[in-house]
C-alpha atoms as a PDB file:
ATOM      1  CA  UNK A   1      74.214  69.150 228.120  1.00  0.00           C
ATOM      2  CA  UNK A   2      71.239  68.622 225.887  1.00  0.00           C
ATOM      3  CA  UNK A   3      67.932  67.684 227.417  1.00  0.00           C
ATOM      4  CA  UNK A   4      66.668  64.622 225.576  1.00  0.00           C
ATOM      5  CA  UNK A   5      63.528  65.331 223.530  1.00  0.00           C
ATOM      6  CA  UNK A   6      60.252  64.047 224.888  1.00  0.00           C
ATOM      7  CA  UNK A   7      57.208  65.084 222.883  1.00  0.00           C
ATOM      8  CA  UNK A   8      54.020  66.166 224.623  1.00  0.00           C
ATOM      9  CA  UNK A   9      50.653  67.246 223.349  1.00  0.00           C
ATOM     10  CA  UNK A  10      51.487  70.930 223.868  1.00  0.00           C
ATOM     11  CA  UNK A  11      55.153  71.133 222.911  1.00  0.00           C
ATOM     12  CA  UNK A  12      57.489  70.095 220.155  1.00  0.00           C
ATOM     13  CA  UNK A  13      60.663  68.244 221.091  1.00  0.00           C
ATOM     14  CA  UNK A  14      62.826  71.168 219.973  1.00  0.00           C
ATOM     15  CA  UNK A  15      60.918  73.617 222.211  1.00  0.00           C
ATOM     16  CA  UNK A  16      62.669  72.307 225.340  1.00  0.00           C
ATOM     17  CA  UNK A  17      65.523  74.181 226.926  1.00  0.00           C
ATOM     18  CA  UNK A  18      69.053  72.859 227.134  1.00  0.00           C
ATOM     19  CA  UNK A  19      71.599  73.109 229.894  1.00  0.00           C
ATOM     20  CA  UNK A  20      74.674  74.856 228.528  1.00  0.00           C
ATOM     21  CA  UNK A  21      76.385  74.811 231.948  1.00  0.00           C
ATOM     22  CA  UNK A  22      75.337  73.423 235.348  1.00  0.00           C
ATOM     23  CA  UNK A  23      73.826  76.821 236.245  1.00  0.00           C
ATOM     24  CA  UNK A  24      72.536  77.895 232.810  1.00  0.00           C
ATOM     25  CA  UNK A  25      69.468  77.045 230.741  1.00  0.00           C
ATOM     26  CA  UNK A  26      68.992  78.181 227.148  1.00  0.00           C
ATOM     27  CA  UNK A  27      65.713  77.997 225.269  1.00  0.00           C
ATOM     28  CA  UNK A  28      64.984  79.022 221.669  1.00  0.00           C
ATOM     29  CA  UNK A  29      61.818  79.735 219.760  1.00  0.00           C
ATOM     30  CA  UNK A  30      61.145  80.718 216.174  1.00  0.00           C
ATOM     31  CA  UNK A  31      58.347  83.283 216.386  1.00  0.00           C
ATOM     32  CA  UNK A  32      56.227  85.244 213.905  1.00  0.00           C
ATOM     33  CA  UNK A  33      57.964  88.525 213.064  1.00  0.00           C
ATOM     34  CA  UNK A  34      58.918  91.142 212.395  1.00  0.00           C
ATOM     35  CA  UNK A  35      61.676  91.627 214.971  1.00  0.00           C
ATOM     36  CA  UNK A  36      60.291  94.988 216.167  1.00  0.00           C
ATOM     37  CA  UNK A  37      56.978  93.339 217.046  1.00  0.00           C
ATOM     38  CA  UNK A  38      58.692  90.667 219.150  1.00  0.00           C
ATOM     39  CA  UNK A  39      60.909  93.336 220.755  1.00  0.00           C
ATOM     40  CA  UNK A  40      57.777  95.290 221.693  1.00  0.00           C
ATOM     41  CA  UNK A  41      56.424  92.192 223.475  1.00  0.00           C
ATOM     42  CA  UNK A  42      59.661  92.081 225.494  1.00  0.00           C
ATOM     43  CA  UNK A  43      59.815  95.731 226.547  1.00  0.00           C
ATOM     44  CA  UNK A  44      56.329  97.283 226.480  1.00  0.00           C
ATOM     45  CA  UNK A  45      54.679  96.624 229.859  1.00  0.00           C
ATOM     46  CA  UNK A  46      51.139  96.149 228.500  1.00  0.00           C
ATOM     47  CA  UNK A  47      52.289  93.621 225.865  1.00  0.00           C
ATOM     48  CA  UNK A  48      54.774  91.876 228.186  1.00  0.00           C
ATOM     49  CA  UNK A  49      51.995  91.455 230.766  1.00  0.00           C
ATOM     50  CA  UNK A  50      50.022  89.311 228.286  1.00  0.00           C
ATOM     51  CA  UNK A  51      52.648  86.553 228.281  1.00  0.00           C
ATOM     52  CA  UNK A  52      55.122  87.100 231.146  1.00  0.00           C
ATOM     53  CA  UNK A  53      54.989  90.056 233.552  1.00  0.00           C
ATOM     54  CA  UNK A  54      54.144  93.728 233.448  1.00  0.00           C
ATOM     55  CA  UNK A  55      56.229  96.426 235.095  1.00  0.00           C
ATOM     56  CA  UNK A  56      58.222  99.429 233.975  1.00  0.00           C
ATOM     57  CA  UNK A  57      61.664  99.319 232.368  1.00  0.00           C
ATOM     58  CA  UNK A  58      64.154 102.152 232.181  1.00  0.00           C
ATOM     59  CA  UNK A  59      65.471 101.629 228.637  1.00  0.00           C
ATOM     60  CA  UNK A  60      69.182 101.840 229.415  1.00  0.00           C
ATOM     61  CA  UNK A  61      71.936  99.711 230.893  1.00  0.00           C
ATOM     62  CA  UNK A  62      71.801 100.187 234.658  1.00  0.00           C
ATOM     63  CA  UNK A  63      68.130 101.175 234.573  1.00  0.00           C
ATOM     64  CA  UNK A  64      65.373  99.525 236.550  1.00  0.00           C
ATOM     65  CA  UNK A  65      63.703  96.483 235.072  1.00  0.00           C
ATOM     66  CA  UNK A  66      60.720  95.885 237.333  1.00  0.00           C
ATOM     67  CA  UNK A  67      58.577  92.828 236.750  1.00  0.00           C
ATOM     68  CA  UNK A  68      55.055  92.520 238.132  1.00  0.00           C
ATOM     69  CA  UNK A  69      53.766  88.967 237.818  1.00  0.00           C
ATOM     70  CA  UNK A  70      50.091  88.017 237.713  1.00  0.00           C
ATOM     71  CA  UNK A  71      50.181  84.449 236.414  1.00  0.00           C
ATOM     72  CA  UNK A  72      46.434  84.051 236.977  1.00  0.00           C
ATOM     73  CA  UNK A  73      45.792  86.768 234.386  1.00  0.00           C
ATOM     74  CA  UNK A  74      47.887  85.187 231.617  1.00  0.00           C
ATOM     75  CA  UNK A  75      45.343  82.605 230.535  1.00  0.00           C
ATOM     76  CA  UNK A  76      41.642  81.936 230.792  1.00  0.00           C
ATOM     77  CA  UNK A  77      40.252  80.219 232.666  1.00  0.00           C
ATOM     78  CA  UNK A  78      42.436  80.999 235.654  1.00  0.00           C
ATOM     79  CA  UNK A  79      44.121  77.922 237.032  1.00  0.00           C
ATOM     80  CA  UNK A  80      45.404  77.864 240.594  1.00  0.00           C
ATOM     81  CA  UNK A  81      49.091  77.501 241.379  1.00  0.00           C
ATOM     82  CA  UNK A  82      50.222  74.256 242.977  1.00  0.00           C
ATOM     83  CA  UNK A  83      50.856  74.432 246.748  1.00  0.00           C
ATOM     84  CA  UNK A  84      54.599  75.099 246.401  1.00  0.00           C
ATOM     85  CA  UNK A  85      53.793  78.282 244.412  1.00  0.00           C
ATOM     86  CA  UNK A  86      50.755  79.330 246.477  1.00  0.00           C
ATOM     87  CA  UNK A  87      52.509  82.555 247.540  1.00  0.00           C
ATOM     88  CA  UNK A  88      52.312  83.670 243.877  1.00  0.00           C
ATOM     89  CA  UNK A  89      48.521  83.398 243.673  1.00  0.00           C
ATOM     90  CA  UNK A  90      47.887  87.118 244.113  1.00  0.00           C
ATOM     91  CA  UNK A  91      50.928  88.188 242.119  1.00  0.00           C
ATOM     92  CA  UNK A  92      54.354  89.419 243.096  1.00  0.00           C
ATOM     93  CA  UNK A  93      56.951  91.991 242.129  1.00  0.00           C
ATOM     94  CA  UNK A  94      60.646  91.687 241.266  1.00  0.00           C
ATOM     95  CA  UNK A  95      63.030  94.624 241.166  1.00  0.00           C
ATOM     96  CA  UNK A  96      65.852  94.030 238.692  1.00  0.00           C
ATOM     97  CA  UNK A  97      68.584  95.972 236.891  1.00  0.00           C
ATOM     98  CA  UNK A  98      69.014  96.261 233.136  1.00  0.00           C
ATOM     99  CA  UNK A  99      72.330  94.772 231.974  1.00  0.00           C
ATOM    100  CA  UNK A 100      71.820  94.861 228.186  1.00  0.00           C
ATOM    101  CA  UNK A 101      69.661  97.143 226.093  1.00  0.00           C
ATOM    102  CA  UNK A 102      70.286  97.112 222.336  1.00  0.00           C
ATOM    103  CA  UNK A 103      66.935  97.548 220.512  1.00  0.00           C
ATOM    104  CA  UNK A 104      65.626  95.459 218.856  1.00  0.00           C
ATOM    105  CA  UNK A 105      68.227  92.713 219.248  1.00  0.00           C
ATOM    106  CA  UNK A 106      69.378  92.238 222.841  1.00  0.00           C
ATOM    107  CA  UNK A 107      67.804  92.726 226.258  1.00  0.00           C
ATOM    108  CA  UNK A 108      69.165  91.508 229.583  1.00  0.00           C
ATOM    109  CA  UNK A 109      68.514  92.049 233.261  1.00  0.00           C
ATOM    110  CA  UNK A 110      69.194  90.621 236.678  1.00  0.00           C
ATOM    111  CA  UNK A 111      66.409  88.353 237.823  1.00  0.00           C
ATOM    112  CA  UNK A 112      65.128  88.588 241.375  1.00  0.00           C
ATOM    113  CA  UNK A 113      67.006  88.305 244.627  1.00  0.00           C
ATOM    114  CA  UNK A 114      68.809  85.104 243.680  1.00  0.00           C
ATOM    115  CA  UNK A 115      71.440  86.932 241.642  1.00  0.00           C
ATOM    116  CA  UNK A 116      70.440  85.142 238.459  1.00  0.00           C
ATOM    117  CA  UNK A 117      70.397  86.805 235.063  1.00  0.00           C
ATOM    118  CA  UNK A 118      68.291  86.519 231.904  1.00  0.00           C
ATOM    119  CA  UNK A 119      69.345  87.530 228.388  1.00  0.00           C
ATOM    120  CA  UNK A 120      67.051  87.771 225.344  1.00  0.00           C
ATOM    121  CA  UNK A 121      68.597  87.757 221.860  1.00  0.00           C
ATOM    122  CA  UNK A 122      66.493  88.330 218.746  1.00  0.00           C
ATOM    123  CA  UNK A 123      67.622  87.516 215.212  1.00  0.00           C
ATOM    124  CA  UNK A 124      65.433  88.027 212.130  1.00  0.00           C
ATOM    125  CA  UNK A 125      65.073  84.921 209.934  1.00  0.00           C
ATOM    126  CA  UNK A 126      62.962  85.879 206.930  1.00  0.00           C
ATOM    127  CA  UNK A 127      59.480  86.718 208.200  1.00  0.00           C
ATOM    128  CA  UNK A 128      60.237  84.968 211.513  1.00  0.00           C
ATOM    129  CA  UNK A 129      62.352  85.893 214.531  1.00  0.00           C
ATOM    130  CA  UNK A 130      64.623  83.553 216.448  1.00  0.00           C
ATOM    131  CA  UNK A 131      64.363  84.361 220.154  1.00  0.00           C
ATOM    132  CA  UNK A 132      67.062  82.888 222.374  1.00  0.00           C
ATOM    133  CA  UNK A 133      66.539  83.171 226.132  1.00  0.00           C
ATOM    134  CA  UNK A 134      69.554  82.351 228.300  1.00  0.00           C
ATOM    135  CA  UNK A 135      69.079  82.274 232.069  1.00  0.00           C
ATOM    136  CA  UNK A 136      72.338  82.058 234.045  1.00  0.00           C
ATOM    137  CA  UNK A 137      73.528  81.813 237.648  1.00  0.00           C
ATOM    138  CA  UNK A 138      70.821  79.374 238.685  1.00  0.00           C
ATOM    139  CA  UNK A 139      71.566  78.381 242.274  1.00  0.00           C
ATOM    140  CA  UNK A 140      70.043  74.907 242.561  1.00  0.00           C
ATOM    141  CA  UNK A 141      68.435  72.056 240.660  1.00  0.00           C
ATOM    142  CA  UNK A 142      65.052  73.113 242.055  1.00  0.00           C
ATOM    143  CA  UNK A 143      65.514  76.636 240.699  1.00  0.00           C
ATOM    144  CA  UNK A 144      66.709  75.256 237.344  1.00  0.00           C
ATOM    145  CA  UNK A 145      63.577  73.101 237.039  1.00  0.00           C
ATOM    146  CA  UNK A 146      61.265  75.980 237.969  1.00  0.00           C
ATOM    147  CA  UNK A 147      62.998  78.471 235.658  1.00  0.00           C
ATOM    148  CA  UNK A 148      63.114  75.992 232.755  1.00  0.00           C
ATOM    149  CA  UNK A 149      59.415  75.183 233.067  1.00  0.00           C
ATOM    150  CA  UNK A 150      58.606  78.860 233.563  1.00  0.00           C
ATOM    151  CA  UNK A 151      60.409  80.083 230.453  1.00  0.00           C
ATOM    152  CA  UNK A 152      58.971  77.190 228.467  1.00  0.00           C
ATOM    153  CA  UNK A 153      55.341  78.007 229.288  1.00  0.00           C
ATOM    154  CA  UNK A 154      55.869  81.776 229.108  1.00  0.00           C
ATOM    155  CA  UNK A 155      57.322  81.380 225.605  1.00  0.00           C
ATOM    156  CA  UNK A 156      54.447  79.059 224.655  1.00  0.00           C
ATOM    157  CA  UNK A 157      52.074  81.844 225.703  1.00  0.00           C
ATOM    158  CA  UNK A 158      54.091  84.481 223.802  1.00  0.00           C
ATOM    159  CA  UNK A 159      54.003  82.336 220.666  1.00  0.00           C
ATOM    160  CA  UNK A 160      50.240  81.892 220.987  1.00  0.00           C
ATOM    161  CA  UNK A 161      49.730  85.633 221.496  1.00  0.00           C
ATOM    162  CA  UNK A 162      51.837  86.484 218.439  1.00  0.00           C
ATOM    163  CA  UNK A 163      49.787  84.017 216.372  1.00  0.00           C
ATOM    164  CA  UNK A 164      46.453  85.288 217.728  1.00  0.00           C
ATOM    165  CA  UNK A 165      45.444  82.000 219.318  1.00  0.00           C
ATOM    166  CA  UNK A 166      44.467  80.976 222.841  1.00  0.00           C
ATOM    167  CA  UNK A 167      47.437  79.997 225.012  1.00  0.00           C
ATOM    168  CA  UNK A 168      47.624  76.928 227.266  1.00  0.00           C
ATOM    169  CA  UNK A 169      46.688  77.338 230.948  1.00  0.00           C
ATOM    170  CA  UNK A 170      49.752  78.575 232.824  1.00  0.00           C
ATOM    171  CA  UNK A 171      49.887  76.634 236.098  1.00  0.00           C
ATOM    172  CA  UNK A 172      48.604  73.316 234.747  1.00  0.00           C
ATOM    173  CA  UNK A 173      51.225  73.390 232.010  1.00  0.00           C
ATOM    174  CA  UNK A 174      53.991  74.689 234.316  1.00  0.00           C
ATOM    175  CA  UNK A 175      53.386  71.780 236.707  1.00  0.00           C
ATOM    176  CA  UNK A 176      53.601  69.229 233.882  1.00  0.00           C
ATOM    177  CA  UNK A 177      56.697  70.888 232.396  1.00  0.00           C
ATOM    178  CA  UNK A 178      58.462  71.054 235.748  1.00  0.00           C
ATOM    179  CA  UNK A 179      58.033  67.277 236.067  1.00  0.00           C
ATOM    180  CA  UNK A 180      59.235  66.763 232.481  1.00  0.00           C
ATOM    181  CA  UNK A 181      62.325  68.920 233.048  1.00  0.00           C
ATOM    182  CA  UNK A 182      62.905  66.952 236.270  1.00  0.00           C
ATOM    183  CA  UNK A 183      63.119  63.788 234.184  1.00  0.00           C
ATOM    184  CA  UNK A 184      65.434  65.457 231.654  1.00  0.00           C
ATOM    185  CA  UNK A 185      67.865  67.255 233.957  1.00  0.00           C
ATOM    186  CA  UNK A 186      70.234  65.011 235.878  1.00  0.00           C
ATOM    187  CA  UNK A 187      69.796  65.171 239.653  1.00  0.00           C
END
């Protein structure tokens, strides 16, 4: 099911994710290339930490894919998480398993203790790279809203980093996006 476009000051209508199944969200972005540069931002801990989460990966199917989140460090100035995410204020760690590793085109891993899964697919398009993120096995509407808003803002930050510009504040934007996805995703 497509999520109806609703433009905001910080996002284009086509930046929003779509539900491809009741438990699956898919979001696409066309990013500055080349593909190896985008791949590096997905797998190198120091680069990944600038837009999503640090942590070490074992570059093989079955390897560890640890994520260490510090949302407060993603943007300046630091904005505080809303009360429902207060436990994330000082960061947190997720231990995951690599399910796909095909450099520089496909990366996938389990995602946290909820048995969900995320898959990244990169396709060169001229001097740009199409990044498709598909997050499956979402257990509830609440998780779908949080994950959709999370990927949306994380990819906004990645895009800004790749273009060398300042990204939007994480938590302020996540809160607004979560409400927008709530209006888009049937209850």
